[in-house]
Amino acid sequence: MAQQVKVKLYGFNNLTKSLSFNIYDICYANTSEQRQEYIEYIDEAYNAERLTQILTGVADIIGASVLNVARQDYEPQGASVALLIAEEQSGAVEESYVTAPASPGPLPDTVLAHLDKSHITVHTYPESHPYRGVSTFRVDIDVSTCGLISPLTALNYLIHSFDSDIVTMDYRIRGFTRDVEGRKHFIDHEINSIQNYLAEDTLKRYHTIDVNVFQENIFHTKMVLKDWDIDDYLFGESAEDLDPAERERICRQLRREMMEIFSGRNLSSGQHV
């Protein structure tokens, strides 16, 4: 787990910490009417106003104040929000330290935002295709901060704010900051995996893998749900209305979609999923 590092800094902490998410929600919508209804549902559930609420929650969790919000709903579908944020407090030079982010962050109780030197953005991409009847909703989230605030504390809140079947996360620390003796610091907390900042219930629900480049302070984690109920993925029909063979076919199709996104490659028809 990350440890507190008490190193007195000369001036502001200039390290930039960037956390990028891709979150995917999968659905089976067999007819053109069902696919259209699914897209309309996603656009309503995750419109710019709702996304603004989620990102404002992120700002609260990481201890930032929102300076500016820009948001837009698109036609025929999708939305974007951006926030510009600032650290709530900034101490005097002699009181400025590098600090480790809390681990893990909180779960949710329940647009583009601009921060001073920091920002949070979200973009949604609902899509469907008649082949195989699978529709996929993707949301891209970027949280970039500097100073004492860290995007890692918002991990669990974000994952639980969406129906997250597959999650890919990238965390990178850029730049450097100096201590009072002029020594450069290229990282201000110990970390060996993004998973250090995930809640225990999240780790139990997902299969996770890491691809990290420690010497470059780059951390990458991918997650896919271990277990799921087909009724949670059917749009416009119920599993009890399907014969066993059809249920099994749909389950295989949904699982294939998840594993192709998780692995980042198309699977051949004969490959096991």
Protein backbone atom coordinates (compact mmCIF):
# COMPACT_ATOMS: atom_id res chain seq x y z
CA MET A 1 0.00 0.00 0.00
CA ALA A 2 1.07 3.59 -0.57
CA GLN A 3 2.96 5.18 2.33
CA GLN A 4 3.10 8.79 3.51
CA VAL A 5 6.32 10.49 2.39
CA LYS A 6 7.23 13.60 4.38
CA VAL A 7 9.59 15.52 2.13
CA LYS A 8 9.56 19.30 2.51
CA LEU A 9 9.18 20.97 -0.89
CA TYR A 10 10.45 24.20 -2.30
CA GLY A 11 7.26 25.88 -3.42
CA PHE A 12 4.35 24.16 -5.17
CA ASN A 13 4.21 20.43 -5.93
CA ASN A 14 4.69 20.49 -9.72
CA LEU A 15 4.08 16.80 -10.36
CA THR A 16 1.17 16.08 -12.70
CA LYS A 17 -0.84 12.94 -11.91
CA SER A 18 -3.12 11.75 -14.69
CA LEU A 19 -5.73 9.00 -14.41
CA SER A 20 -7.53 7.86 -17.57
CA PHE A 21 -10.53 5.48 -17.63
CA ASN A 22 -12.35 3.57 -20.29
CA ILE A 23 -15.53 2.05 -18.87
CA TYR A 24 -17.72 -0.27 -20.96
CA ASP A 25 -21.33 -1.34 -20.44
CA ILE A 26 -22.61 -4.22 -22.63
CA CYS A 27 -26.22 -4.91 -23.60
CA TYR A 28 -28.08 -7.41 -25.81
CA ALA A 29 -30.64 -5.60 -27.97
CA ASN A 30 -31.82 -7.92 -30.73
CA THR A 31 -34.17 -5.76 -32.81
CA SER A 32 -33.69 -2.32 -34.32
CA GLU A 33 -36.38 -0.99 -31.96
CA GLN A 34 -34.58 -2.42 -28.92
CA ARG A 35 -31.26 -0.96 -30.08
CA GLN A 36 -32.80 2.46 -30.52
CA GLU A 37 -34.45 2.25 -27.09
CA TYR A 38 -31.10 1.28 -25.56
CA ILE A 39 -29.33 4.28 -27.11
CA GLU A 40 -32.12 6.57 -25.91
CA TYR A 41 -31.90 5.07 -22.41
CA ILE A 42 -28.12 5.65 -22.25
CA ASP A 43 -28.47 9.20 -23.51
CA GLU A 44 -31.04 9.91 -20.81
CA ALA A 45 -29.23 8.12 -17.97
CA TYR A 46 -25.85 9.67 -18.78
CA ASN A 47 -26.69 13.06 -20.24
CA ALA A 48 -24.48 16.10 -19.67
CA GLU A 49 -26.35 17.12 -16.51
CA ARG A 50 -25.94 13.67 -14.92
CA LEU A 51 -22.26 13.52 -15.93
CA THR A 52 -21.70 16.94 -14.39
CA GLN A 53 -23.05 15.61 -11.10
CA ILE A 54 -20.66 12.64 -11.24
CA LEU A 55 -17.62 14.81 -12.01
CA THR A 56 -18.53 17.29 -9.30
CA GLY A 57 -18.55 14.32 -6.92
CA VAL A 58 -15.05 13.46 -8.12
CA ALA A 59 -13.87 17.01 -7.39
CA ASP A 60 -15.33 16.78 -3.87
CA ILE A 61 -13.59 13.44 -3.23
CA ILE A 62 -10.13 14.55 -4.36
CA GLY A 63 -10.44 17.82 -2.42
CA ALA A 64 -10.67 20.21 -5.37
CA SER A 65 -12.89 23.20 -6.02
CA VAL A 66 -14.58 23.61 -9.41
CA LEU A 67 -13.69 26.82 -11.23
CA ASN A 68 -15.53 26.29 -14.50
CA VAL A 69 -17.85 23.76 -16.16
CA ALA A 70 -18.41 23.20 -19.89
CA ARG A 71 -20.90 20.55 -21.03
CA GLN A 72 -22.62 19.46 -24.20
CA ASP A 73 -25.20 16.88 -25.31
CA TYR A 74 -24.70 15.71 -28.89
CA GLU A 75 -27.00 14.66 -31.71
CA PRO A 76 -27.80 11.93 -32.41
CA GLN A 77 -26.15 10.61 -29.21
CA GLY A 78 -23.39 11.11 -26.66
CA ALA A 79 -22.32 13.84 -24.25
CA SER A 80 -19.18 15.59 -23.00
CA VAL A 81 -18.37 17.46 -19.80
CA ALA A 82 -15.19 19.23 -18.72
CA LEU A 83 -14.29 20.77 -15.36
CA LEU A 84 -11.47 23.13 -14.49
CA ILE A 85 -10.52 22.54 -10.86
CA ALA A 86 -8.21 23.97 -8.23
CA GLU A 87 -6.76 22.59 -5.03
CA GLU A 88 -8.84 23.77 -2.08
CA GLN A 89 -5.88 24.95 -0.01
CA SER A 90 -2.26 25.82 -0.67
CA GLY A 91 0.13 26.11 2.27
CA ALA A 92 3.23 28.23 2.67
CA VAL A 93 6.53 27.04 1.26
CA GLU A 94 7.77 25.66 4.56
CA GLU A 95 4.53 23.67 4.98
CA SER A 96 4.46 22.09 1.51
CA TYR A 97 5.11 18.33 1.48
CA VAL A 98 4.74 15.46 -0.92
CA THR A 99 1.93 13.24 0.32
CA ALA A 100 0.45 9.87 -0.51
CA PRO A 101 -3.20 9.72 -1.64
CA ALA A 102 -5.71 7.94 0.57
CA SER A 103 -6.17 4.24 -0.24
CA PRO A 104 -8.75 3.28 -1.26
CA GLY A 105 -11.09 6.13 -2.03
CA PRO A 106 -14.78 6.19 -1.08
CA LEU A 107 -17.74 4.63 -2.86
CA PRO A 108 -20.54 6.82 -4.25
CA ASP A 109 -23.45 7.74 -1.98
CA THR A 110 -25.71 7.87 -4.51
CA VAL A 111 -18.98 17.26 -18.48
CA LEU A 112 -16.16 19.06 -18.75
CA ALA A 113 -14.83 20.76 -15.66
CA HIS A 114 -11.84 23.08 -15.57
CA LEU A 115 -9.51 23.16 -12.54
CA ASP A 116 -6.69 25.62 -11.82
CA LYS A 117 -3.79 23.67 -13.38
CA SER A 118 -6.04 20.58 -13.18
CA HIS A 119 -9.07 19.23 -15.01
CA ILE A 120 -11.63 16.45 -15.23
CA THR A 121 -13.28 15.44 -18.50
CA VAL A 122 -15.78 12.82 -19.60
CA HIS A 123 -17.02 11.76 -23.05
CA THR A 124 -19.64 9.10 -23.79
CA TYR A 125 -19.86 6.83 -26.84
CA PRO A 126 -23.08 4.76 -27.07
CA GLU A 127 -23.11 2.50 -30.13
CA SER A 128 -24.92 -0.48 -31.56
CA HIS A 129 -24.70 -2.82 -34.53
CA PRO A 130 -27.28 -5.26 -35.91
CA TYR A 131 -24.71 -8.08 -36.18
CA ARG A 132 -25.05 -10.42 -33.17
CA GLY A 133 -27.40 -8.01 -31.39
CA VAL A 134 -24.79 -6.53 -29.02
CA SER A 135 -24.74 -2.84 -28.10
CA THR A 136 -21.88 -1.23 -26.18
CA PHE A 137 -21.70 1.98 -24.18
CA ARG A 138 -18.23 3.44 -23.57
CA VAL A 139 -17.37 6.34 -21.30
CA ASP A 140 -13.91 7.94 -21.31
CA ILE A 141 -12.86 9.83 -18.18
CA ASP A 142 -9.65 11.78 -17.58
CA VAL A 143 -8.66 13.24 -14.21
CA SER A 144 -5.46 15.29 -14.25
CA THR A 145 -4.23 16.97 -11.06
CA CYS A 146 -1.17 18.63 -9.59
CA GLY A 147 -0.29 19.71 -6.09
CA LEU A 148 -1.40 17.62 -3.12
CA ILE A 149 -4.67 16.35 -4.61
CA SER A 150 -4.63 12.96 -6.32
CA PRO A 151 -7.04 11.36 -8.81
CA LEU A 152 -6.51 7.91 -7.28
CA THR A 153 -8.93 8.64 -4.44
CA ALA A 154 -11.81 8.85 -6.95
CA LEU A 155 -11.28 5.36 -8.40
CA ASN A 156 -14.03 3.50 -6.56
CA TYR A 157 -16.54 6.31 -6.88
CA LEU A 158 -16.14 6.36 -10.67
CA ILE A 159 -16.31 2.59 -11.12
CA HIS A 160 -19.52 2.43 -9.07
CA SER A 161 -21.08 5.43 -10.83
CA PHE A 162 -21.46 3.46 -14.07
CA ASP A 163 -22.55 -0.06 -15.02
CA SER A 164 -18.94 -1.16 -15.42
CA ASP A 165 -18.52 -4.51 -17.21
CA ILE A 166 -14.99 -3.79 -18.42
CA VAL A 167 -12.68 -1.10 -17.07
CA THR A 168 -9.26 -0.07 -18.37
CA MET A 169 -7.24 2.41 -16.32
CA ASP A 170 -3.99 4.27 -16.95
CA TYR A 171 -2.20 6.25 -14.25
CA ARG A 172 0.91 8.27 -14.97
CA ILE A 173 3.03 10.75 -13.01
CA ARG A 174 4.69 13.40 -15.18
CA GLY A 175 7.25 16.11 -14.54
CA PHE A 176 9.12 16.68 -11.30
CA THR A 177 9.05 18.79 -8.18
CA ARG A 178 11.93 19.98 -5.98
CA ASP A 179 12.59 19.72 -2.27
CA VAL A 180 14.12 22.57 -0.25
CA GLU A 181 17.63 21.33 -1.09
CA GLY A 182 16.96 21.46 -4.83
CA ARG A 183 16.73 17.68 -5.33
CA LYS A 184 14.23 16.57 -8.00
CA HIS A 185 11.40 14.20 -7.08
CA PHE A 186 9.75 12.40 -10.02
CA ILE A 187 7.11 10.68 -7.87
CA ASP A 188 5.68 11.65 -4.50
CA HIS A 189 4.15 8.38 -3.28
CA GLU A 190 4.86 4.66 -3.34
CA ILE A 191 2.74 2.67 -5.77
CA ASN A 192 3.19 -0.71 -7.45
CA SER A 193 -0.34 -1.10 -8.89
CA ILE A 194 -3.55 0.82 -9.43
CA GLN A 195 -5.18 -2.11 -7.64
CA ASN A 196 -3.75 -0.76 -4.37
CA TYR A 197 -6.47 1.90 -4.55
CA LEU A 198 -9.43 -0.36 -5.37
CA ALA A 199 -11.95 -1.35 -2.70
CA GLU A 200 -11.94 -5.01 -1.64
CA ASP A 201 -15.45 -5.63 -2.99
CA THR A 202 -14.36 -4.31 -6.40
CA LEU A 203 -11.35 -6.63 -6.53
CA LYS A 204 -13.58 -9.60 -5.68
CA ARG A 205 -16.02 -8.83 -8.49
CA TYR A 206 -13.47 -8.40 -11.29
CA HIS A 207 -10.70 -10.35 -12.95
CA THR A 208 -7.77 -7.91 -13.12
CA ILE A 209 -4.39 -7.76 -14.84
CA ASP A 210 -1.60 -5.18 -14.68
CA VAL A 211 0.83 -3.94 -17.32
CA ASN A 212 3.18 -1.50 -15.55
CA VAL A 213 6.34 0.36 -16.58
CA PHE A 214 7.77 1.24 -13.18
CA GLN A 215 10.83 3.11 -14.43
CA GLU A 216 8.55 5.50 -16.33
CA ASN A 217 5.93 5.82 -13.56
CA ILE A 218 3.26 4.36 -15.86
CA PHE A 219 0.63 2.01 -14.42
CA HIS A 220 -2.05 0.17 -16.40
CA THR A 221 -4.83 -2.07 -15.06
CA LYS A 222 -7.62 -3.88 -16.92
CA MET A 223 -10.71 -5.36 -15.27
CA VAL A 224 -13.60 -7.54 -16.45
CA LEU A 225 -16.56 -8.83 -14.44
CA LYS A 226 -16.18 -12.41 -13.23
CA ASP A 227 -19.86 -13.29 -12.80
CA TRP A 228 -23.03 -11.77 -14.22
CA ASP A 229 -26.73 -12.48 -14.75
CA ILE A 230 -28.09 -12.53 -18.30
CA ASP A 231 -31.24 -10.68 -17.19
CA ASP A 232 -29.08 -7.64 -16.43
CA TYR A 233 -28.01 -7.52 -20.09
CA LEU A 234 -31.25 -8.14 -21.96
CA PHE A 235 -32.98 -5.02 -23.24
CA GLY A 236 -36.67 -5.36 -24.02
CA GLU A 237 -37.05 -9.04 -23.05
CA SER A 238 -36.56 -11.46 -20.16
CA ALA A 239 -34.42 -14.58 -19.89
CA GLU A 240 -37.43 -16.65 -18.79
CA ASP A 241 -39.02 -15.96 -22.19
CA LEU A 242 -36.08 -17.54 -24.02
CA ASP A 243 -35.52 -21.24 -24.60
CA PRO A 244 -32.33 -22.70 -23.04
CA ALA A 245 -30.45 -22.87 -26.34
CA GLU A 246 -31.16 -19.20 -27.08
CA ARG A 247 -30.10 -18.15 -23.58
CA GLU A 248 -26.85 -20.03 -23.96
CA ARG A 249 -26.19 -18.45 -27.37
CA ILE A 250 -26.77 -14.95 -26.00
CA CYS A 251 -24.55 -15.63 -22.98
CA ARG A 252 -21.74 -16.75 -25.27
CA GLN A 253 -22.20 -13.67 -27.42
CA LEU A 254 -22.11 -11.30 -24.45
CA ARG A 255 -19.09 -13.05 -23.01
CA ARG A 256 -17.28 -12.86 -26.35
CA GLU A 257 -17.95 -9.12 -26.55
CA MET A 258 -16.54 -8.63 -23.04
CA MET A 259 -13.43 -10.70 -23.68
CA GLU A 260 -12.69 -9.02 -27.01
CA ILE A 261 -12.83 -5.60 -25.37
CA PHE A 262 -10.82 -6.83 -22.37
CA SER A 263 -8.11 -8.41 -24.53
CA GLY A 264 -8.15 -5.68 -27.18
CA ARG A 265 -8.46 -8.11 -30.08
CA ASN A 266 -11.10 -9.96 -32.09
CA LEU A 267 -11.56 -13.63 -31.24
CA SER A 268 -12.09 -16.20 -33.95
CA SER A 269 -15.37 -18.12 -34.02
CA GLY A 270 -13.70 -21.27 -32.70
CA GLN A 271 -11.95 -19.68 -29.73
CA HIS A 272 -13.19 -20.45 -26.22
CA VAL A 273 -14.44 -17.52 -24.13
